[in-house]
Structures are given as C-alpha cells and as structure tokens.
C-alpha cells in the first residue's frame, strides 16, 4: 500500500525519490502496460507516499511525458548537411527513436499505444503549433531553413510536411514494435522520408 498522501517526508524529499518514481513507472509499463500506470500503482511500486509523487510530478500524464520530454531537441548538432533535408530530418528523428530503443522493446510495445494520452499530446500540436523543444518543432525549423536556402520548393507547406513526416515516423516505430524489433528502422526511415520529400526537393539556385 502506498503511504499516506501529503508533503514528502524528510527522507523522501531527494532526487532518489524522483528516480524511484520513474523506475517504478518503467517497471509497470514493461510488465503490465501503460494503462496500468496510475499515481497509486506507481507509489505502491516505488514504496513512496502519494505526496512525494505530487512533489515531483503534477499527475500521471506529467510523469508519462517525462519519457518524451526529458531531452530537448533544440540543442542537438546535426551532422548531415542542410542540402540533404531528407537525411537531415531522418538523423533528427533517429535521436528520438534511439531513445525509444534504449527503453527496450517491451517498454515501447506498451508505451506506444492509442491509450497513451501523453504520447498523443507530444506528437500533436496546439493552436496549429508544435510544442517548443520537441522533435517536431526542430523538424519544422530545419525544413524552413532548407526552404530558405533553396533546397525545398518555395510553394511547399513546411508545417504540413512536418506533420506528415511525424506520421511516417510513428508508423515506422509501430512496425518495429509489431515485428519484435526486427526491422532496420533507420534504413526504412531514411528511405521513406527521402521518398516523401523528393517531390519538394529543389536544387540550390546558382
């Protein structure tokens, strides 16, 4: 049973308690699925009070969002040249997919579900905009730069391209989960994104 709610006790008010909460959520997702994650179940698994949970996270969705937003995509330096937007965007998304793979196949099979509202919120938009520091926001920034440099046709709707690419990535990850991690996700992703962007490519103007 989780301990009584309230402010975290002196022994629980430390960074280790936050890690215990995160580790407990990972355990529950891997063993029982994302739907099994509740504030009470996480506290029971971590042997911490509910008050301690709310000291570090606003609610269950805030905790689930941690697995997606623990990394800001604003600061990454991409190695692929801007003149190759398909490869550059694929490289960017592989940073996210690499994080998925680190969490493990069992985790991803349960986490990557239609019932995960945090995943839907992260991969979506609000008022027509992607959330700051997300991979979609960085993708839009990169494609805007490629368009300004003359590598993407001026008539292309960059925001729509980014939404479509996000859908492609989700499909690739879902396929990876369905096939027990066997597909070469990176190879498939590069191929499909480049194929999708090919009608919008434009050689640099002299």
C-alpha atoms as a PDB file:
ATOM      1  CA  UNK A   1       0.000   0.000   0.000  1.00  0.00           C
ATOM      2  CA  UNK A   2       1.285   3.500  -0.783  1.00  0.00           C
ATOM      3  CA  UNK A   3       1.902   5.637   2.243  1.00  0.00           C
ATOM      4  CA  UNK A   4      -0.462   8.402   3.274  1.00  0.00           C
ATOM      5  CA  UNK A   5      -0.510  11.427   0.955  1.00  0.00           C
ATOM      6  CA  UNK A   6       0.845  14.811   1.984  1.00  0.00           C
ATOM      7  CA  UNK A   7       4.141  16.648   1.700  1.00  0.00           C
ATOM      8  CA  UNK A   8       7.099  14.293   1.203  1.00  0.00           C
ATOM      9  CA  UNK A   9       8.770  13.245   4.386  1.00  0.00           C
ATOM     10  CA  UNK A  10      12.303  14.395   5.029  1.00  0.00           C
ATOM     11  CA  UNK A  11      13.670  11.050   3.929  1.00  0.00           C
ATOM     12  CA  UNK A  12      11.737  11.099   0.661  1.00  0.00           C
ATOM     13  CA  UNK A  13      12.478  14.679  -0.390  1.00  0.00           C
ATOM     14  CA  UNK A  14      15.553  13.936  -2.513  1.00  0.00           C
ATOM     15  CA  UNK A  15      16.465  13.210  -6.155  1.00  0.00           C
ATOM     16  CA  UNK A  16      16.484   9.463  -5.456  1.00  0.00           C
ATOM     17  CA  UNK A  17      12.744   9.589  -4.823  1.00  0.00           C
ATOM     18  CA  UNK A  18      12.133  11.087  -8.258  1.00  0.00           C
ATOM     19  CA  UNK A  19      14.241   8.349  -9.826  1.00  0.00           C
ATOM     20  CA  UNK A  20      12.315   5.700  -7.874  1.00  0.00           C
ATOM     21  CA  UNK A  21       9.060   7.075  -9.305  1.00  0.00           C
ATOM     22  CA  UNK A  22      10.409   6.969 -12.853  1.00  0.00           C
ATOM     23  CA  UNK A  23      11.868   3.478 -12.399  1.00  0.00           C
ATOM     24  CA  UNK A  24       8.574   2.263 -10.947  1.00  0.00           C
ATOM     25  CA  UNK A  25       6.699   3.590 -13.976  1.00  0.00           C
ATOM     26  CA  UNK A  26       9.126   1.814 -16.319  1.00  0.00           C
ATOM     27  CA  UNK A  27       8.618  -1.452 -14.414  1.00  0.00           C
ATOM     28  CA  UNK A  28       4.834  -1.151 -14.575  1.00  0.00           C
ATOM     29  CA  UNK A  29       4.821  -0.305 -18.274  1.00  0.00           C
ATOM     30  CA  UNK A  30       7.117  -3.204 -19.121  1.00  0.00           C
ATOM     31  CA  UNK A  31       5.239  -5.764 -17.033  1.00  0.00           C
ATOM     32  CA  UNK A  32       1.620  -4.615 -17.187  1.00  0.00           C
ATOM     33  CA  UNK A  33       1.347  -1.987 -19.907  1.00  0.00           C
ATOM     34  CA  UNK A  34       0.936   1.784 -19.923  1.00  0.00           C
ATOM     35  CA  UNK A  35      -2.696   1.533 -18.826  1.00  0.00           C
ATOM     36  CA  UNK A  36      -1.523   0.065 -15.500  1.00  0.00           C
ATOM     37  CA  UNK A  37       0.277   3.292 -14.600  1.00  0.00           C
ATOM     38  CA  UNK A  38      -1.652   5.303 -12.036  1.00  0.00           C
ATOM     39  CA  UNK A  39      -0.433   7.561  -9.265  1.00  0.00           C
ATOM     40  CA  UNK A  40      -1.284   4.910  -6.678  1.00  0.00           C
ATOM     41  CA  UNK A  41       0.253   1.998  -8.580  1.00  0.00           C
ATOM     42  CA  UNK A  42       3.483   3.917  -9.127  1.00  0.00           C
ATOM     43  CA  UNK A  43       3.673   4.896  -5.449  1.00  0.00           C
ATOM     44  CA  UNK A  44       2.992   1.324  -4.414  1.00  0.00           C
ATOM     45  CA  UNK A  45       5.738   0.035  -6.721  1.00  0.00           C
ATOM     46  CA  UNK A  46       8.191   2.711  -5.545  1.00  0.00           C
ATOM     47  CA  UNK A  47       7.160   2.425  -1.881  1.00  0.00           C
ATOM     48  CA  UNK A  48       6.737   6.189  -1.647  1.00  0.00           C
ATOM     49  CA  UNK A  49       3.921   8.412  -0.463  1.00  0.00           C
ATOM     50  CA  UNK A  50       1.436   9.946  -2.864  1.00  0.00           C
ATOM     51  CA  UNK A  51       2.507  13.313  -1.525  1.00  0.00           C
ATOM     52  CA  UNK A  52       6.038  12.594  -2.708  1.00  0.00           C
ATOM     53  CA  UNK A  53       4.716  11.788  -6.185  1.00  0.00           C
ATOM     54  CA  UNK A  54       2.935  15.144  -6.415  1.00  0.00           C
ATOM     55  CA  UNK A  55       6.061  16.877  -5.178  1.00  0.00           C
ATOM     56  CA  UNK A  56       7.841  15.831  -8.385  1.00  0.00           C
ATOM     57  CA  UNK A  57       5.028  15.379 -10.923  1.00  0.00           C
ATOM     58  CA  UNK A  58       1.711  17.158 -11.464  1.00  0.00           C
ATOM     59  CA  UNK A  59      -0.162  13.966 -12.377  1.00  0.00           C
ATOM     60  CA  UNK A  60       0.156  10.697 -14.265  1.00  0.00           C
ATOM     61  CA  UNK A  61       0.323  12.446 -17.640  1.00  0.00           C
ATOM     62  CA  UNK A  62       3.155  14.646 -16.419  1.00  0.00           C
ATOM     63  CA  UNK A  63       5.075  11.532 -15.424  1.00  0.00           C
ATOM     64  CA  UNK A  64       4.439   9.806 -18.755  1.00  0.00           C
ATOM     65  CA  UNK A  65       5.531  12.927 -20.612  1.00  0.00           C
ATOM     66  CA  UNK A  66       8.911  12.655 -18.894  1.00  0.00           C
ATOM     67  CA  UNK A  67       9.860   9.775 -21.182  1.00  0.00           C
ATOM     68  CA  UNK A  68       9.306  12.002 -24.202  1.00  0.00           C
ATOM     69  CA  UNK A  69      10.419  15.397 -22.978  1.00  0.00           C
ATOM     70  CA  UNK A  70      13.465  14.524 -20.928  1.00  0.00           C
ATOM     71  CA  UNK A  71      15.534  15.618 -23.911  1.00  0.00           C
ATOM     72  CA  UNK A  72      15.283  18.993 -25.638  1.00  0.00           C
ATOM     73  CA  UNK A  73      15.841  18.720 -29.377  1.00  0.00           C
ATOM     74  CA  UNK A  74      16.891  22.353 -29.683  1.00  0.00           C
ATOM     75  CA  UNK A  75      20.484  21.754 -28.659  1.00  0.00           C
ATOM     76  CA  UNK A  76      21.462  18.820 -30.887  1.00  0.00           C
ATOM     77  CA  UNK A  77      24.049  19.442 -33.609  1.00  0.00           C
ATOM     78  CA  UNK A  78      23.116  17.503 -36.741  1.00  0.00           C
ATOM     79  CA  UNK A  79      25.906  16.128 -38.902  1.00  0.00           C
ATOM     80  CA  UNK A  80      24.004  15.904 -42.198  1.00  0.00           C
ATOM     81  CA  UNK A  81      24.282  18.956 -44.436  1.00  0.00           C
ATOM     82  CA  UNK A  82      21.231  21.163 -44.933  1.00  0.00           C
ATOM     83  CA  UNK A  83      21.391  20.400 -48.663  1.00  0.00           C
ATOM     84  CA  UNK A  84      20.160  16.865 -47.832  1.00  0.00           C
ATOM     85  CA  UNK A  85      16.929  17.626 -45.948  1.00  0.00           C
ATOM     86  CA  UNK A  86      15.609  14.059 -46.083  1.00  0.00           C
ATOM     87  CA  UNK A  87      18.727  12.616 -44.493  1.00  0.00           C
ATOM     88  CA  UNK A  88      18.963  15.532 -42.045  1.00  0.00           C
ATOM     89  CA  UNK A  89      15.389  15.058 -40.790  1.00  0.00           C
ATOM     90  CA  UNK A  90      15.921  11.289 -40.608  1.00  0.00           C
ATOM     91  CA  UNK A  91      19.035  11.852 -38.498  1.00  0.00           C
ATOM     92  CA  UNK A  92      16.995  14.098 -36.206  1.00  0.00           C
ATOM     93  CA  UNK A  93      14.226  11.552 -35.715  1.00  0.00           C
ATOM     94  CA  UNK A  94      16.707   8.756 -35.122  1.00  0.00           C
ATOM     95  CA  UNK A  95      17.728  10.636 -31.964  1.00  0.00           C
ATOM     96  CA  UNK A  96      14.171  10.101 -30.695  1.00  0.00           C
ATOM     97  CA  UNK A  97      13.938   6.522 -31.939  1.00  0.00           C
ATOM     98  CA  UNK A  98      17.293   5.756 -30.346  1.00  0.00           C
ATOM     99  CA  UNK A  99      15.838   6.824 -27.018  1.00  0.00           C
ATOM    100  CA  UNK A 100      12.877   4.502 -27.612  1.00  0.00           C
ATOM    101  CA  UNK A 101      15.241   1.615 -28.238  1.00  0.00           C
ATOM    102  CA  UNK A 102      17.174   2.338 -25.053  1.00  0.00           C
ATOM    103  CA  UNK A 103      13.937   1.906 -23.079  1.00  0.00           C
ATOM    104  CA  UNK A 104      13.528  -1.555 -24.580  1.00  0.00           C
ATOM    105  CA  UNK A 105      11.096  -3.338 -26.860  1.00  0.00           C
ATOM    106  CA  UNK A 106       8.713  -4.449 -24.083  1.00  0.00           C
ATOM    107  CA  UNK A 107       8.505  -0.892 -22.794  1.00  0.00           C
ATOM    108  CA  UNK A 108       7.804   0.514 -26.255  1.00  0.00           C
ATOM    109  CA  UNK A 109       5.153  -2.070 -27.094  1.00  0.00           C
ATOM    110  CA  UNK A 110       3.160  -0.946 -24.074  1.00  0.00           C
ATOM    111  CA  UNK A 111       4.031   2.739 -24.187  1.00  0.00           C
ATOM    112  CA  UNK A 112       3.354   3.199 -27.894  1.00  0.00           C
ATOM    113  CA  UNK A 113      -0.404   2.713 -27.617  1.00  0.00           C
ATOM    114  CA  UNK A 114      -3.535   4.615 -28.595  1.00  0.00           C
ATOM    115  CA  UNK A 115      -4.407   4.967 -24.904  1.00  0.00           C
ATOM    116  CA  UNK A 116      -1.240   6.903 -24.060  1.00  0.00           C
ATOM    117  CA  UNK A 117      -2.508  10.487 -23.956  1.00  0.00           C
ATOM    118  CA  UNK A 118       0.966  11.847 -23.273  1.00  0.00           C
ATOM    119  CA  UNK A 119       2.300  10.362 -26.492  1.00  0.00           C
ATOM    120  CA  UNK A 120      -0.636  11.817 -28.400  1.00  0.00           C
ATOM    121  CA  UNK A 121      -0.071  15.238 -26.848  1.00  0.00           C
ATOM    122  CA  UNK A 122       3.655  15.204 -27.553  1.00  0.00           C
ATOM    123  CA  UNK A 123       3.255  14.102 -31.163  1.00  0.00           C
ATOM    124  CA  UNK A 124       0.411  16.539 -31.791  1.00  0.00           C
ATOM    125  CA  UNK A 125       0.062  20.313 -31.913  1.00  0.00           C
ATOM    126  CA  UNK A 126      -1.746  23.048 -30.071  1.00  0.00           C
ATOM    127  CA  UNK A 127      -3.288  26.047 -31.830  1.00  0.00           C
ATOM    128  CA  UNK A 128      -1.537  24.973 -35.025  1.00  0.00           C
ATOM    129  CA  UNK A 129       1.931  24.901 -33.451  1.00  0.00           C
ATOM    130  CA  UNK A 130       4.281  22.173 -32.284  1.00  0.00           C
ATOM    131  CA  UNK A 131       5.357  22.330 -28.656  1.00  0.00           C
ATOM    132  CA  UNK A 132       8.731  24.055 -28.120  1.00  0.00           C
ATOM    133  CA  UNK A 133      11.842  21.868 -27.855  1.00  0.00           C
ATOM    134  CA  UNK A 134      10.070  18.833 -29.356  1.00  0.00           C
ATOM    135  CA  UNK A 135      11.419  16.872 -32.287  1.00  0.00           C
ATOM    136  CA  UNK A 136       8.553  18.193 -34.453  1.00  0.00           C
ATOM    137  CA  UNK A 137       9.398  21.810 -33.663  1.00  0.00           C
ATOM    138  CA  UNK A 138      13.047  21.176 -34.554  1.00  0.00           C
ATOM    139  CA  UNK A 139      11.967  19.388 -37.735  1.00  0.00           C
ATOM    140  CA  UNK A 140       9.950  22.426 -38.780  1.00  0.00           C
ATOM    141  CA  UNK A 141      12.900  24.708 -38.051  1.00  0.00           C
ATOM    142  CA  UNK A 142      15.210  22.541 -40.160  1.00  0.00           C
ATOM    143  CA  UNK A 143      12.862  22.334 -43.139  1.00  0.00           C
ATOM    144  CA  UNK A 144      12.184  26.074 -43.002  1.00  0.00           C
ATOM    145  CA  UNK A 145      15.943  26.635 -43.169  1.00  0.00           C
ATOM    146  CA  UNK A 146      16.226  24.216 -46.100  1.00  0.00           C
ATOM    147  CA  UNK A 147      13.431  26.032 -47.901  1.00  0.00           C
ATOM    148  CA  UNK A 148      15.040  29.421 -47.326  1.00  0.00           C
ATOM    149  CA  UNK A 149      18.335  28.039 -48.649  1.00  0.00           C
ATOM    150  CA  UNK A 150      16.647  26.803 -51.816  1.00  0.00           C
ATOM    151  CA  UNK A 151      16.653  23.061 -51.118  1.00  0.00           C
ATOM    152  CA  UNK A 152      12.865  22.794 -50.709  1.00  0.00           C
ATOM    153  CA  UNK A 153      10.414  24.241 -53.226  1.00  0.00           C
ATOM    154  CA  UNK A 154       9.075  27.687 -52.186  1.00  0.00           C
ATOM    155  CA  UNK A 155       5.463  26.522 -52.550  1.00  0.00           C
ATOM    156  CA  UNK A 156       5.832  23.667 -50.062  1.00  0.00           C
ATOM    157  CA  UNK A 157       3.789  23.941 -46.856  1.00  0.00           C
ATOM    158  CA  UNK A 158       6.509  23.166 -44.322  1.00  0.00           C
ATOM    159  CA  UNK A 159       4.178  22.681 -41.364  1.00  0.00           C
ATOM    160  CA  UNK A 160       2.143  20.108 -43.279  1.00  0.00           C
ATOM    161  CA  UNK A 161       5.314  18.329 -44.393  1.00  0.00           C
ATOM    162  CA  UNK A 162       6.401  18.088 -40.749  1.00  0.00           C
ATOM    163  CA  UNK A 163       3.056  16.652 -39.676  1.00  0.00           C
ATOM    164  CA  UNK A 164       3.233  14.050 -42.435  1.00  0.00           C
ATOM    165  CA  UNK A 165       6.808  13.113 -41.518  1.00  0.00           C
ATOM    166  CA  UNK A 166       5.737  12.684 -37.892  1.00  0.00           C
ATOM    167  CA  UNK A 167       3.054  10.262 -39.089  1.00  0.00           C
ATOM    168  CA  UNK A 168       5.669   8.364 -41.100  1.00  0.00           C
ATOM    169  CA  UNK A 169       7.914   8.072 -38.051  1.00  0.00           C
ATOM    170  CA  UNK A 170       5.080   6.795 -35.867  1.00  0.00           C
ATOM    171  CA  UNK A 171       4.320   4.168 -38.490  1.00  0.00           C
ATOM    172  CA  UNK A 172       7.953   3.043 -38.590  1.00  0.00           C
ATOM    173  CA  UNK A 173       8.109   2.739 -34.804  1.00  0.00           C
ATOM    174  CA  UNK A 174       4.809   0.850 -34.748  1.00  0.00           C
ATOM    175  CA  UNK A 175       6.133  -1.547 -37.386  1.00  0.00           C
ATOM    176  CA  UNK A 176       9.264  -2.017 -35.282  1.00  0.00           C
ATOM    177  CA  UNK A 177       7.117  -2.917 -32.279  1.00  0.00           C
ATOM    178  CA  UNK A 178       4.869  -5.272 -34.249  1.00  0.00           C
ATOM    179  CA  UNK A 179       7.851  -7.197 -35.574  1.00  0.00           C
ATOM    180  CA  UNK A 180       9.673  -7.544 -32.240  1.00  0.00           C
ATOM    181  CA  UNK A 181      12.340  -5.010 -33.114  1.00  0.00           C
ATOM    182  CA  UNK A 182      13.490  -6.840 -36.253  1.00  0.00           C
ATOM    183  CA  UNK A 183      13.124  -4.188 -38.997  1.00  0.00           C
ATOM    184  CA  UNK A 184      16.092  -1.927 -39.661  1.00  0.00           C
ATOM    185  CA  UNK A 185      14.210   1.181 -38.570  1.00  0.00           C
ATOM    186  CA  UNK A 186      16.968   3.581 -39.540  1.00  0.00           C
ATOM    187  CA  UNK A 187      17.255   2.250 -43.080  1.00  0.00           C
ATOM    188  CA  UNK A 188      13.480   2.245 -43.570  1.00  0.00           C
ATOM    189  CA  UNK A 189      13.076   5.715 -42.104  1.00  0.00           C
ATOM    190  CA  UNK A 190      15.734   7.265 -44.331  1.00  0.00           C
ATOM    191  CA  UNK A 191      14.224   5.633 -47.418  1.00  0.00           C
ATOM    192  CA  UNK A 192      10.610   6.640 -46.755  1.00  0.00           C
ATOM    193  CA  UNK A 193      11.318  10.208 -45.634  1.00  0.00           C
ATOM    194  CA  UNK A 194      13.559  10.838 -48.652  1.00  0.00           C
ATOM    195  CA  UNK A 195      10.935   9.363 -50.953  1.00  0.00           C
ATOM    196  CA  UNK A 196       8.244  11.518 -49.366  1.00  0.00           C
ATOM    197  CA  UNK A 197      10.289  14.723 -49.690  1.00  0.00           C
ATOM    198  CA  UNK A 198      11.524  14.045 -53.231  1.00  0.00           C
ATOM    199  CA  UNK A 199       8.672  15.962 -54.974  1.00  0.00           C
ATOM    200  CA  UNK A 200       9.504  19.023 -52.854  1.00  0.00           C
ATOM    201  CA  UNK A 201      13.266  18.967 -53.438  1.00  0.00           C
ATOM    202  CA  UNK A 202      14.852  21.776 -55.394  1.00  0.00           C
ATOM    203  CA  UNK A 203      18.468  22.163 -56.438  1.00  0.00           C
ATOM    204  CA  UNK A 204      20.248  25.121 -54.936  1.00  0.00           C
ATOM    205  CA  UNK A 205      19.906  28.215 -57.109  1.00  0.00           C
ATOM    206  CA  UNK A 206      23.156  29.466 -58.621  1.00  0.00           C
END
